[in-house]
């Protein structure tokens, strides 16, 4: 397994390329703006992208899903709870001075307990709402891709459409902090961290005892 991180677009979003190098199969997580480097890596390594997973429906994480689908033929995967946010993408992006199209509807809707299989890899879907109603995280062995639910030293904002701090903290404590301390956290923005480090040090999680 290989995990490559690409920091893309004006909001410095993280796009991830997760590959089964033996099978030459891959999944792209959160194809944001200005993601050409991700496609270049796919072509250079001779990978076949079998899934494009969107952790949540905000424009900086779904911006290039149409292009990636057209370039790779892979299915777009997301949670049904964020379908209403797709129609809001142009308006939300305009607030940041960015022109964005309405993303394509997903080809596959996933919920808690579903898996996304890529080659010999299996990503387990965790429902982690709070930042958005349909936010998901993806667990793969000792790694978890959390979108904008949890950050190194912080948590996702909850002041946008459908956000809830109470729901967000319940998701983090109930779905993420129960994972082993060694689990590497790959967030939607910023550096990677670990479950153990965030449990002990994240100031937003201490009020509930970590």
N, C-alpha and C. Protein backbone atom coordinates (compact mmCIF):
# COMPACT_ATOMS: atom_id res chain seq x y z
N UNK A 1 0.84 -1.20 0.00
CA UNK A 1 0.00 0.00 0.00
C UNK A 1 0.88 1.25 0.00
N UNK A 2 0.50 2.21 -0.78
CA UNK A 2 1.20 3.50 -0.82
C UNK A 2 0.18 4.62 -0.70
N UNK A 3 0.47 5.60 0.14
CA UNK A 3 -0.38 6.77 0.31
C UNK A 3 0.41 8.00 -0.09
N UNK A 4 -0.11 8.75 -1.05
CA UNK A 4 0.52 9.99 -1.49
C UNK A 4 -0.42 11.15 -1.20
N UNK A 5 0.13 12.22 -0.62
CA UNK A 5 -0.65 13.40 -0.26
C UNK A 5 -0.32 14.53 -1.22
N UNK A 6 -1.36 15.20 -1.70
CA UNK A 6 -1.19 16.35 -2.60
C UNK A 6 -1.95 17.53 -2.01
N UNK A 7 -1.25 18.63 -1.77
CA UNK A 7 -1.88 19.84 -1.26
C UNK A 7 -2.27 20.69 -2.47
N UNK A 8 -3.57 20.92 -2.63
CA UNK A 8 -4.05 21.51 -3.89
C UNK A 8 -4.97 22.71 -3.64
N UNK A 9 -4.97 23.60 -4.62
CA UNK A 9 -5.93 24.70 -4.64
C UNK A 9 -5.65 25.81 -3.65
N UNK A 10 -6.38 26.91 -3.78
CA UNK A 10 -6.15 28.08 -2.93
C UNK A 10 -6.48 27.85 -1.46
N UNK A 11 -7.32 26.87 -1.16
CA UNK A 11 -7.64 26.57 0.24
C UNK A 11 -6.73 25.49 0.82
N UNK A 12 -5.71 25.09 0.05
CA UNK A 12 -4.72 24.13 0.53
C UNK A 12 -5.37 22.85 1.05
N UNK A 13 -6.25 22.31 0.23
CA UNK A 13 -6.92 21.05 0.58
C UNK A 13 -5.99 19.88 0.30
N UNK A 14 -6.17 18.82 1.04
CA UNK A 14 -5.40 17.60 0.81
C UNK A 14 -6.19 16.64 -0.07
N UNK A 15 -5.60 16.26 -1.19
CA UNK A 15 -6.12 15.16 -2.00
C UNK A 15 -5.18 13.97 -1.80
N UNK A 16 -5.76 12.78 -1.74
CA UNK A 16 -4.96 11.59 -1.46
C UNK A 16 -5.09 10.58 -2.60
N UNK A 17 -3.96 9.97 -2.90
CA UNK A 17 -3.91 8.86 -3.84
C UNK A 17 -3.45 7.64 -3.05
N UNK A 18 -4.33 6.66 -2.95
CA UNK A 18 -4.03 5.44 -2.20
C UNK A 18 -3.96 4.30 -3.20
N UNK A 19 -2.81 3.63 -3.24
CA UNK A 19 -2.59 2.65 -4.30
C UNK A 19 -2.21 1.28 -3.75
N UNK A 20 -2.73 0.26 -4.39
CA UNK A 20 -2.24 -1.11 -4.24
C UNK A 20 -1.22 -1.28 -5.36
N UNK A 21 0.05 -1.14 -5.03
CA UNK A 21 1.09 -1.13 -6.05
C UNK A 21 1.21 -2.48 -6.76
N UNK A 22 0.91 -3.54 -6.06
CA UNK A 22 1.00 -4.86 -6.68
C UNK A 22 -0.06 -5.04 -7.76
N UNK A 23 -1.29 -4.63 -7.45
CA UNK A 23 -2.39 -4.78 -8.40
C UNK A 23 -2.47 -3.61 -9.37
N UNK A 24 -1.70 -2.53 -9.10
CA UNK A 24 -1.73 -1.31 -9.94
C UNK A 24 -3.11 -0.68 -9.95
N UNK A 25 -3.79 -0.73 -8.82
CA UNK A 25 -5.12 -0.15 -8.65
C UNK A 25 -5.04 0.95 -7.60
N UNK A 26 -5.92 1.95 -7.71
CA UNK A 26 -5.84 3.08 -6.78
C UNK A 26 -7.22 3.68 -6.53
N UNK A 27 -7.29 4.45 -5.45
CA UNK A 27 -8.46 5.26 -5.14
C UNK A 27 -7.97 6.69 -4.92
N UNK A 28 -8.74 7.64 -5.40
CA UNK A 28 -8.47 9.06 -5.15
C UNK A 28 -9.49 9.54 -4.12
N UNK A 29 -8.99 10.20 -3.08
CA UNK A 29 -9.85 10.74 -2.04
C UNK A 29 -9.81 12.26 -2.10
N UNK A 30 -10.99 12.87 -2.26
CA UNK A 30 -11.17 14.32 -2.28
C UNK A 30 -10.38 15.02 -3.39
N UNK A 31 -10.84 14.88 -4.64
CA UNK A 31 -10.18 15.55 -5.76
C UNK A 31 -10.50 17.05 -5.78
N UNK A 32 -9.65 17.84 -5.18
CA UNK A 32 -9.90 19.26 -5.06
C UNK A 32 -9.48 20.05 -6.28
N UNK A 33 -9.36 21.35 -6.10
CA UNK A 33 -8.96 22.23 -7.19
C UNK A 33 -7.49 22.02 -7.54
N UNK A 34 -7.16 22.31 -8.79
CA UNK A 34 -5.76 22.30 -9.24
C UNK A 34 -5.08 20.97 -8.89
N UNK A 35 -5.75 19.88 -9.26
CA UNK A 35 -5.29 18.54 -8.89
C UNK A 35 -4.53 17.82 -10.00
N UNK A 36 -3.97 18.57 -10.92
CA UNK A 36 -3.27 17.94 -12.05
C UNK A 36 -2.15 17.02 -11.58
N UNK A 37 -1.51 17.37 -10.47
CA UNK A 37 -0.40 16.55 -9.98
C UNK A 37 -0.87 15.14 -9.60
N UNK A 38 -2.11 15.04 -9.15
CA UNK A 38 -2.65 13.72 -8.81
C UNK A 38 -2.80 12.87 -10.07
N UNK A 39 -3.37 13.46 -11.10
CA UNK A 39 -3.53 12.74 -12.37
C UNK A 39 -2.17 12.40 -12.98
N UNK A 40 -1.21 13.31 -12.85
CA UNK A 40 0.14 13.02 -13.36
C UNK A 40 0.73 11.80 -12.65
N UNK A 41 0.51 11.72 -11.35
CA UNK A 41 1.03 10.58 -10.59
C UNK A 41 0.36 9.29 -11.02
N UNK A 42 -0.93 9.35 -11.29
CA UNK A 42 -1.66 8.16 -11.76
C UNK A 42 -1.08 7.69 -13.08
N UNK A 43 -0.86 8.61 -14.00
CA UNK A 43 -0.33 8.24 -15.32
C UNK A 43 1.11 7.74 -15.21
N UNK A 44 1.91 8.43 -14.43
CA UNK A 44 3.33 8.08 -14.31
C UNK A 44 3.52 6.70 -13.71
N UNK A 45 2.66 6.33 -12.78
CA UNK A 45 2.79 5.04 -12.10
C UNK A 45 1.99 3.92 -12.78
N UNK A 46 1.27 4.29 -13.82
CA UNK A 46 0.49 3.29 -14.53
C UNK A 46 -0.61 2.68 -13.69
N UNK A 47 -1.27 3.52 -12.90
CA UNK A 47 -2.32 3.04 -12.01
C UNK A 47 -3.69 3.13 -12.66
N UNK A 48 -4.55 2.23 -12.28
CA UNK A 48 -5.95 2.31 -12.67
C UNK A 48 -6.77 2.78 -11.47
N UNK A 49 -7.40 3.95 -11.60
CA UNK A 49 -8.23 4.47 -10.52
C UNK A 49 -9.60 3.82 -10.60
N UNK A 50 -9.97 3.15 -9.52
CA UNK A 50 -11.24 2.43 -9.51
C UNK A 50 -12.32 3.14 -8.72
N UNK A 51 -11.95 4.12 -7.91
CA UNK A 51 -12.94 4.86 -7.13
C UNK A 51 -12.44 6.25 -6.83
N UNK A 52 -13.35 7.21 -6.83
CA UNK A 52 -13.09 8.59 -6.45
C UNK A 52 -14.01 8.86 -5.27
N UNK A 53 -13.44 8.91 -4.07
CA UNK A 53 -14.26 9.03 -2.87
C UNK A 53 -14.23 10.48 -2.37
N UNK A 54 -15.42 11.01 -2.12
CA UNK A 54 -15.58 12.36 -1.61
C UNK A 54 -15.98 12.26 -0.14
N UNK A 55 -15.13 12.78 0.75
CA UNK A 55 -15.44 12.67 2.18
C UNK A 55 -16.60 13.56 2.59
N UNK A 56 -16.81 14.66 1.86
CA UNK A 56 -17.96 15.52 2.12
C UNK A 56 -18.14 16.46 0.93
N UNK A 57 -19.28 17.14 0.91
CA UNK A 57 -19.69 17.83 -0.31
C UNK A 57 -19.25 19.26 -0.49
N UNK A 58 -18.25 19.73 0.20
CA UNK A 58 -17.79 21.10 0.02
C UNK A 58 -16.92 21.22 -1.23
N UNK A 59 -16.97 22.40 -1.85
CA UNK A 59 -16.39 22.56 -3.18
C UNK A 59 -14.90 22.25 -3.23
N UNK A 60 -14.15 22.54 -2.17
CA UNK A 60 -12.71 22.33 -2.22
C UNK A 60 -12.33 20.85 -2.12
N UNK A 61 -13.31 19.99 -1.90
CA UNK A 61 -13.04 18.56 -1.83
C UNK A 61 -13.68 17.78 -2.99
N UNK A 62 -14.59 18.43 -3.69
CA UNK A 62 -15.30 17.75 -4.78
C UNK A 62 -15.10 18.44 -6.12
N UNK A 63 -14.33 19.52 -6.13
CA UNK A 63 -14.22 20.39 -7.30
C UNK A 63 -13.88 19.64 -8.58
N UNK A 64 -12.92 18.72 -8.52
CA UNK A 64 -12.44 18.06 -9.74
C UNK A 64 -13.02 16.66 -9.94
N UNK A 65 -14.08 16.33 -9.26
CA UNK A 65 -14.62 14.97 -9.38
C UNK A 65 -15.07 14.66 -10.79
N UNK A 66 -15.66 15.64 -11.49
CA UNK A 66 -16.10 15.40 -12.86
C UNK A 66 -14.91 15.12 -13.78
N UNK A 67 -13.85 15.89 -13.61
CA UNK A 67 -12.68 15.67 -14.46
C UNK A 67 -12.03 14.32 -14.18
N UNK A 68 -11.89 13.98 -12.91
CA UNK A 68 -11.28 12.70 -12.57
C UNK A 68 -12.11 11.54 -13.10
N UNK A 69 -13.43 11.67 -13.03
CA UNK A 69 -14.29 10.63 -13.57
C UNK A 69 -14.09 10.50 -15.08
N UNK A 70 -14.03 11.65 -15.77
CA UNK A 70 -13.85 11.62 -17.22
C UNK A 70 -12.49 11.06 -17.61
N UNK A 71 -11.46 11.39 -16.83
CA UNK A 71 -10.10 10.96 -17.15
C UNK A 71 -9.85 9.48 -16.83
N UNK A 72 -10.49 8.99 -15.77
CA UNK A 72 -10.17 7.65 -15.29
C UNK A 72 -11.28 6.63 -15.49
N UNK A 73 -12.51 7.10 -15.67
CA UNK A 73 -13.65 6.19 -15.77
C UNK A 73 -14.08 5.61 -14.45
N UNK A 74 -13.50 6.09 -13.34
CA UNK A 74 -13.82 5.56 -12.02
C UNK A 74 -15.15 6.09 -11.52
N UNK A 75 -15.77 5.33 -10.62
CA UNK A 75 -17.03 5.77 -10.02
C UNK A 75 -16.77 6.79 -8.93
N UNK A 76 -17.69 7.75 -8.80
CA UNK A 76 -17.64 8.74 -7.73
C UNK A 76 -18.48 8.22 -6.57
N UNK A 77 -17.88 8.24 -5.38
CA UNK A 77 -18.50 7.64 -4.20
C UNK A 77 -18.66 8.70 -3.11
N UNK A 78 -19.84 8.78 -2.51
CA UNK A 78 -20.04 9.69 -1.38
C UNK A 78 -21.24 9.24 -0.56
N UNK A 79 -21.48 9.91 0.54
CA UNK A 79 -22.61 9.61 1.42
C UNK A 79 -23.84 10.39 0.96
N UNK A 80 -25.03 9.80 1.02
CA UNK A 80 -26.23 10.50 0.55
C UNK A 80 -26.57 11.75 1.35
N UNK A 81 -26.08 11.83 2.59
CA UNK A 81 -26.39 12.99 3.41
C UNK A 81 -25.88 14.31 2.87
N UNK A 82 -24.89 14.25 1.99
CA UNK A 82 -24.33 15.49 1.44
C UNK A 82 -24.78 15.78 0.02
N UNK A 83 -25.71 15.00 -0.50
CA UNK A 83 -26.20 15.27 -1.86
C UNK A 83 -26.74 16.70 -2.01
N UNK A 84 -27.49 17.23 -1.03
CA UNK A 84 -27.99 18.60 -1.19
C UNK A 84 -26.89 19.65 -1.30
N UNK A 85 -25.72 19.35 -0.75
CA UNK A 85 -24.62 20.33 -0.79
C UNK A 85 -24.04 20.49 -2.19
N UNK A 86 -24.19 19.48 -3.03
CA UNK A 86 -23.61 19.57 -4.37
C UNK A 86 -24.20 20.73 -5.16
N UNK A 87 -25.51 20.93 -5.01
CA UNK A 87 -26.16 22.03 -5.74
C UNK A 87 -25.69 23.39 -5.24
N UNK A 88 -25.16 23.45 -4.02
CA UNK A 88 -24.70 24.71 -3.44
C UNK A 88 -23.25 25.03 -3.78
N UNK A 89 -22.56 24.10 -4.44
CA UNK A 89 -21.13 24.29 -4.70
C UNK A 89 -20.84 25.59 -5.44
N UNK A 90 -21.53 25.94 -6.54
CA UNK A 90 -21.18 27.20 -7.23
C UNK A 90 -21.34 28.42 -6.34
N UNK A 91 -22.42 28.46 -5.55
CA UNK A 91 -22.64 29.62 -4.68
C UNK A 91 -21.60 29.69 -3.57
N UNK A 92 -21.29 28.55 -2.96
CA UNK A 92 -20.30 28.54 -1.89
C UNK A 92 -18.93 28.95 -2.42
N UNK A 93 -18.55 28.42 -3.58
CA UNK A 93 -17.25 28.77 -4.17
C UNK A 93 -17.19 30.25 -4.52
N UNK A 94 -18.31 30.79 -4.98
CA UNK A 94 -18.35 32.21 -5.35
C UNK A 94 -18.03 33.09 -4.13
N UNK A 95 -18.43 32.65 -2.95
CA UNK A 95 -18.14 33.39 -1.72
C UNK A 95 -16.64 33.56 -1.51
N UNK A 96 -15.86 32.59 -2.02
CA UNK A 96 -14.40 32.64 -1.92
C UNK A 96 -13.77 33.22 -3.18
N UNK A 97 -14.60 33.76 -4.08
CA UNK A 97 -14.09 34.33 -5.31
C UNK A 97 -13.68 33.31 -6.34
N UNK A 98 -14.28 32.11 -6.28
CA UNK A 98 -13.91 31.01 -7.15
C UNK A 98 -15.13 30.58 -7.97
N UNK A 99 -14.90 30.35 -9.24
CA UNK A 99 -15.97 29.86 -10.12
C UNK A 99 -15.91 28.34 -10.16
N UNK A 100 -17.01 27.71 -9.80
CA UNK A 100 -17.04 26.24 -9.74
C UNK A 100 -18.33 25.73 -10.35
N UNK A 101 -18.27 24.62 -11.08
CA UNK A 101 -19.48 24.01 -11.63
C UNK A 101 -20.17 23.15 -10.59
N UNK A 102 -21.42 22.80 -10.86
CA UNK A 102 -22.10 21.83 -10.02
C UNK A 102 -21.46 20.46 -10.26
N UNK A 103 -21.00 19.78 -9.23
CA UNK A 103 -20.35 18.47 -9.43
C UNK A 103 -21.34 17.43 -9.92
N UNK A 104 -20.85 16.37 -10.50
CA UNK A 104 -21.75 15.30 -10.95
C UNK A 104 -22.33 14.54 -9.76
N UNK A 105 -23.50 14.00 -9.94
CA UNK A 105 -24.06 13.13 -8.91
C UNK A 105 -23.16 11.90 -8.76
N UNK A 106 -23.04 11.38 -7.56
CA UNK A 106 -22.19 10.21 -7.36
C UNK A 106 -22.76 8.98 -8.05
N UNK A 107 -21.88 8.06 -8.38
CA UNK A 107 -22.30 6.79 -8.98
C UNK A 107 -22.67 5.77 -7.91
N UNK A 108 -22.12 5.96 -6.71
CA UNK A 108 -22.38 5.03 -5.62
C UNK A 108 -22.53 5.80 -4.32
N UNK A 109 -23.56 5.46 -3.56
CA UNK A 109 -23.78 6.05 -2.25
C UNK A 109 -23.40 5.04 -1.19
N UNK A 110 -22.66 5.49 -0.18
CA UNK A 110 -22.19 4.58 0.86
C UNK A 110 -22.65 5.06 2.23
N UNK A 111 -22.73 4.10 3.14
CA UNK A 111 -23.10 4.37 4.52
C UNK A 111 -22.18 3.61 5.45
N UNK A 112 -22.37 3.82 6.74
CA UNK A 112 -21.59 3.12 7.77
C UNK A 112 -21.58 1.62 7.50
N UNK A 113 -20.39 1.05 7.56
CA UNK A 113 -20.25 -0.39 7.38
C UNK A 113 -19.97 -0.82 5.96
N UNK A 114 -20.18 0.07 4.99
CA UNK A 114 -19.84 -0.26 3.61
C UNK A 114 -18.32 -0.22 3.44
N UNK A 115 -17.85 -0.80 2.37
CA UNK A 115 -16.43 -0.78 2.06
C UNK A 115 -16.21 -0.32 0.63
N UNK A 116 -15.05 0.25 0.39
CA UNK A 116 -14.60 0.60 -0.96
C UNK A 116 -13.38 -0.26 -1.23
N UNK A 117 -13.52 -1.23 -2.12
CA UNK A 117 -12.44 -2.17 -2.43
C UNK A 117 -11.66 -1.68 -3.63
N UNK A 118 -10.34 -1.68 -3.50
CA UNK A 118 -9.45 -1.27 -4.58
C UNK A 118 -8.28 -2.25 -4.60
N UNK A 119 -8.22 -3.08 -5.62
CA UNK A 119 -7.21 -4.12 -5.65
C UNK A 119 -7.36 -5.00 -4.42
N UNK A 120 -6.28 -5.17 -3.68
CA UNK A 120 -6.34 -5.95 -2.45
C UNK A 120 -6.63 -5.12 -1.22
N UNK A 121 -6.94 -3.84 -1.40
CA UNK A 121 -7.20 -2.94 -0.28
C UNK A 121 -8.71 -2.82 -0.04
N UNK A 122 -9.07 -2.60 1.21
CA UNK A 122 -10.47 -2.43 1.56
C UNK A 122 -10.59 -1.27 2.54
N UNK A 123 -11.25 -0.20 2.10
CA UNK A 123 -11.45 0.98 2.94
C UNK A 123 -12.82 0.90 3.58
N UNK A 124 -12.85 0.92 4.90
CA UNK A 124 -14.10 0.83 5.64
C UNK A 124 -14.70 2.21 5.83
N UNK A 125 -15.99 2.35 5.53
CA UNK A 125 -16.68 3.63 5.64
C UNK A 125 -17.18 3.83 7.06
N UNK A 126 -16.83 4.97 7.65
CA UNK A 126 -17.34 5.39 8.95
C UNK A 126 -18.16 6.66 8.75
N UNK A 127 -19.36 6.69 9.27
CA UNK A 127 -20.15 7.92 9.21
C UNK A 127 -19.68 8.85 10.33
N UNK A 128 -19.18 10.03 9.94
CA UNK A 128 -18.66 11.00 10.92
C UNK A 128 -19.24 12.39 10.65
N UNK A 129 -20.56 12.52 10.78
CA UNK A 129 -21.19 13.82 10.52
C UNK A 129 -20.82 14.86 11.57
N UNK A 130 -21.15 16.10 11.25
CA UNK A 130 -20.89 17.21 12.15
C UNK A 130 -20.37 18.41 11.39
N UNK A 131 -19.29 18.19 10.61
CA UNK A 131 -18.83 19.26 9.70
C UNK A 131 -19.88 19.44 8.62
N UNK A 132 -20.36 18.35 8.08
CA UNK A 132 -21.53 18.32 7.19
C UNK A 132 -22.37 17.11 7.60
N UNK A 133 -23.63 17.06 7.18
CA UNK A 133 -24.48 15.92 7.56
C UNK A 133 -23.98 14.58 7.01
N UNK A 134 -23.33 14.60 5.85
CA UNK A 134 -22.92 13.35 5.22
C UNK A 134 -21.42 13.11 5.22
N UNK A 135 -20.70 13.74 6.13
CA UNK A 135 -19.25 13.53 6.19
C UNK A 135 -18.94 12.07 6.53
N UNK A 136 -17.95 11.52 5.84
CA UNK A 136 -17.50 10.17 6.13
C UNK A 136 -16.00 10.17 6.35
N UNK A 137 -15.55 9.13 7.06
CA UNK A 137 -14.13 8.84 7.18
C UNK A 137 -13.89 7.46 6.61
N UNK A 138 -12.67 7.20 6.21
CA UNK A 138 -12.32 5.93 5.58
C UNK A 138 -11.15 5.31 6.32
N UNK A 139 -11.38 4.15 6.90
CA UNK A 139 -10.32 3.47 7.63
C UNK A 139 -9.67 2.41 6.75
N UNK A 140 -8.35 2.43 6.74
CA UNK A 140 -7.58 1.46 5.97
C UNK A 140 -6.40 1.01 6.83
N UNK A 141 -6.49 -0.18 7.40
CA UNK A 141 -5.44 -0.69 8.28
C UNK A 141 -5.15 0.32 9.40
N UNK A 142 -3.91 0.82 9.49
CA UNK A 142 -3.55 1.75 10.54
C UNK A 142 -3.62 3.21 10.08
N UNK A 143 -4.53 3.49 9.15
CA UNK A 143 -4.72 4.85 8.66
C UNK A 143 -6.20 5.16 8.62
N UNK A 144 -6.54 6.43 8.78
CA UNK A 144 -7.93 6.85 8.62
C UNK A 144 -7.94 8.22 7.95
N UNK A 145 -8.75 8.33 6.90
CA UNK A 145 -8.91 9.56 6.14
C UNK A 145 -10.19 10.23 6.63
N UNK A 146 -10.06 11.42 7.22
CA UNK A 146 -11.17 11.97 7.99
C UNK A 146 -11.81 13.21 7.36
N UNK A 147 -11.38 13.62 6.18
CA UNK A 147 -11.96 14.83 5.60
C UNK A 147 -11.74 16.01 6.53
N UNK A 148 -12.79 16.80 6.75
CA UNK A 148 -12.68 17.98 7.62
C UNK A 148 -13.30 17.73 9.00
N UNK A 149 -13.34 16.47 9.42
CA UNK A 149 -13.88 16.16 10.74
C UNK A 149 -12.88 16.47 11.84
N UNK A 150 -11.64 16.07 11.65
CA UNK A 150 -10.60 16.23 12.67
C UNK A 150 -9.33 16.71 12.01
N UNK A 151 -8.65 17.65 12.68
CA UNK A 151 -7.37 18.16 12.19
C UNK A 151 -6.30 18.00 13.28
N UNK A 152 -5.07 18.16 12.89
CA UNK A 152 -3.98 18.19 13.86
C UNK A 152 -4.19 19.40 14.77
N UNK A 153 -4.55 19.16 16.01
CA UNK A 153 -4.74 20.23 16.98
C UNK A 153 -6.05 20.98 16.88
N UNK A 154 -6.97 20.51 16.04
CA UNK A 154 -8.22 21.23 15.87
C UNK A 154 -9.31 20.27 15.39
N UNK A 155 -10.48 20.83 15.14
CA UNK A 155 -11.60 20.06 14.60
C UNK A 155 -12.25 20.86 13.47
N UNK A 156 -13.11 20.22 12.72
CA UNK A 156 -13.76 20.88 11.60
C UNK A 156 -14.71 21.98 12.04
N UNK A 157 -14.87 22.98 11.20
CA UNK A 157 -15.80 24.06 11.49
C UNK A 157 -17.23 23.54 11.38
N UNK A 158 -18.13 24.15 12.13
CA UNK A 158 -19.52 23.68 12.15
C UNK A 158 -20.51 24.81 11.90
N UNK A 159 -20.02 25.92 11.33
CA UNK A 159 -20.89 27.08 11.11
C UNK A 159 -21.42 27.14 9.69
N UNK A 160 -21.17 26.11 8.88
CA UNK A 160 -21.69 26.07 7.52
C UNK A 160 -22.96 25.22 7.48
N UNK A 161 -23.60 25.16 6.32
CA UNK A 161 -24.87 24.45 6.18
C UNK A 161 -24.80 23.03 6.73
N UNK A 162 -25.70 22.72 7.66
CA UNK A 162 -25.79 21.37 8.19
C UNK A 162 -24.78 21.03 9.25
N UNK A 163 -23.95 21.99 9.66
CA UNK A 163 -22.93 21.71 10.66
C UNK A 163 -23.48 21.69 12.07
N UNK A 164 -22.84 20.92 12.94
CA UNK A 164 -23.25 20.84 14.34
C UNK A 164 -22.05 20.45 15.18
N UNK A 165 -21.67 21.29 16.13
CA UNK A 165 -20.53 20.99 16.98
C UNK A 165 -20.81 19.76 17.85
N UNK A 166 -22.02 19.66 18.37
CA UNK A 166 -22.37 18.51 19.21
C UNK A 166 -22.23 17.21 18.42
N UNK A 167 -22.76 17.20 17.21
CA UNK A 167 -22.69 16.01 16.36
C UNK A 167 -21.24 15.71 15.98
N UNK A 168 -20.47 16.76 15.67
CA UNK A 168 -19.07 16.58 15.30
C UNK A 168 -18.28 15.92 16.42
N UNK A 169 -18.42 16.43 17.64
CA UNK A 169 -17.68 15.87 18.76
C UNK A 169 -18.12 14.44 19.05
N UNK A 170 -19.41 14.16 18.87
CA UNK A 170 -19.89 12.79 19.05
C UNK A 170 -19.27 11.86 18.02
N UNK A 171 -19.13 12.34 16.81
CA UNK A 171 -18.49 11.54 15.76
C UNK A 171 -17.03 11.26 16.09
N UNK A 172 -16.32 12.30 16.51
CA UNK A 172 -14.89 12.15 16.80
C UNK A 172 -14.68 11.18 17.95
N UNK A 173 -15.44 11.37 19.03
CA UNK A 173 -15.25 10.52 20.20
C UNK A 173 -15.76 9.10 19.95
N UNK A 174 -16.84 8.97 19.21
CA UNK A 174 -17.45 7.66 19.04
C UNK A 174 -16.89 6.83 17.90
N UNK A 175 -16.31 7.49 16.89
CA UNK A 175 -15.85 6.77 15.71
C UNK A 175 -14.34 6.84 15.51
N UNK A 176 -13.71 7.92 15.95
CA UNK A 176 -12.29 8.10 15.67
C UNK A 176 -11.41 7.83 16.89
N UNK A 177 -11.75 8.40 18.02
CA UNK A 177 -10.90 8.22 19.19
C UNK A 177 -10.94 6.80 19.74
N UNK A 178 -11.86 5.98 19.26
CA UNK A 178 -11.89 4.57 19.67
C UNK A 178 -10.88 3.74 18.87
N UNK A 179 -10.28 4.33 17.84
CA UNK A 179 -9.29 3.62 17.05
C UNK A 179 -7.97 3.55 17.82
N UNK A 180 -7.09 2.62 17.47
CA UNK A 180 -5.81 2.51 18.17
C UNK A 180 -4.99 3.80 18.09
N UNK A 181 -4.22 4.07 19.14
CA UNK A 181 -3.41 5.28 19.19
C UNK A 181 -2.49 5.41 17.98
N UNK A 182 -2.01 4.30 17.46
CA UNK A 182 -1.04 4.34 16.35
C UNK A 182 -1.67 4.74 15.02
N UNK A 183 -3.00 4.78 14.96
CA UNK A 183 -3.69 5.08 13.69
C UNK A 183 -3.29 6.47 13.19
N UNK A 184 -2.81 6.53 11.96
CA UNK A 184 -2.42 7.80 11.34
C UNK A 184 -3.66 8.48 10.79
N UNK A 185 -3.81 9.76 11.13
CA UNK A 185 -4.97 10.54 10.70
C UNK A 185 -4.56 11.41 9.52
N UNK A 186 -5.22 11.19 8.38
CA UNK A 186 -5.01 12.01 7.19
C UNK A 186 -6.22 12.93 7.03
N UNK A 187 -6.01 14.21 7.29
CA UNK A 187 -7.11 15.17 7.32
C UNK A 187 -7.27 15.88 5.98
N UNK A 188 -8.37 16.60 5.87
CA UNK A 188 -8.67 17.33 4.64
C UNK A 188 -7.82 18.56 4.43
N UNK A 189 -7.19 19.04 5.50
CA UNK A 189 -6.27 20.18 5.44
C UNK A 189 -5.19 19.95 6.50
N UNK A 190 -3.99 20.43 6.24
CA UNK A 190 -2.95 20.38 7.23
C UNK A 190 -2.22 19.05 7.29
N UNK A 191 -1.29 18.93 8.24
CA UNK A 191 -0.42 17.75 8.30
C UNK A 191 -1.14 16.54 8.87
N UNK A 192 -0.54 15.38 8.64
CA UNK A 192 -1.03 14.15 9.25
C UNK A 192 -0.73 14.18 10.74
N UNK A 193 -1.51 13.43 11.49
CA UNK A 193 -1.31 13.31 12.92
C UNK A 193 -1.64 11.88 13.31
N UNK A 194 -1.91 11.63 14.58
CA UNK A 194 -2.29 10.29 15.01
C UNK A 194 -3.42 10.37 16.01
N UNK A 195 -4.17 9.31 16.11
CA UNK A 195 -5.28 9.27 17.06
C UNK A 195 -4.77 9.48 18.48
N UNK A 196 -3.69 8.80 18.84
CA UNK A 196 -3.16 8.94 20.18
C UNK A 196 -2.75 10.37 20.51
N UNK A 197 -2.08 11.02 19.57
CA UNK A 197 -1.64 12.39 19.81
C UNK A 197 -2.83 13.31 20.00
N UNK A 198 -3.84 13.17 19.15
CA UNK A 198 -5.00 14.05 19.26
C UNK A 198 -5.79 13.76 20.53
N UNK A 199 -5.89 12.52 20.91
CA UNK A 199 -6.60 12.18 22.15
C UNK A 199 -5.95 12.88 23.35
N UNK A 200 -4.62 12.94 23.36
CA UNK A 200 -3.91 13.50 24.50
C UNK A 200 -3.73 15.02 24.42
N UNK A 201 -3.70 15.57 23.22
CA UNK A 201 -3.26 16.96 23.08
C UNK A 201 -4.24 17.91 22.42
N UNK A 202 -5.22 17.42 21.69
CA UNK A 202 -6.12 18.32 20.96
C UNK A 202 -7.00 19.08 21.96
N UNK A 203 -6.86 20.41 22.05
CA UNK A 203 -7.61 21.16 23.07
C UNK A 203 -9.11 21.13 22.87
N UNK A 204 -9.58 20.86 21.66
CA UNK A 204 -11.02 20.82 21.41
C UNK A 204 -11.65 19.52 21.91
N UNK A 205 -10.84 18.56 22.28
CA UNK A 205 -11.37 17.25 22.68
C UNK A 205 -11.23 17.00 24.18
N UNK A 206 -10.60 17.92 24.89
CA UNK A 206 -10.31 17.66 26.30
C UNK A 206 -11.50 17.84 27.21
N UNK A 207 -12.48 18.66 26.82
CA UNK A 207 -13.61 18.94 27.71
C UNK A 207 -14.45 17.71 27.98
N UNK A 208 -14.33 16.70 27.07
CA UNK A 208 -15.09 15.47 27.28
C UNK A 208 -14.19 14.35 27.74
N UNK A 209 -13.03 14.72 28.20
CA UNK A 209 -12.14 13.73 28.79
C UNK A 209 -11.25 13.01 27.82
N UNK A 210 -11.26 13.42 26.51
CA UNK A 210 -10.39 12.80 25.53
C UNK A 210 -10.70 11.35 25.37
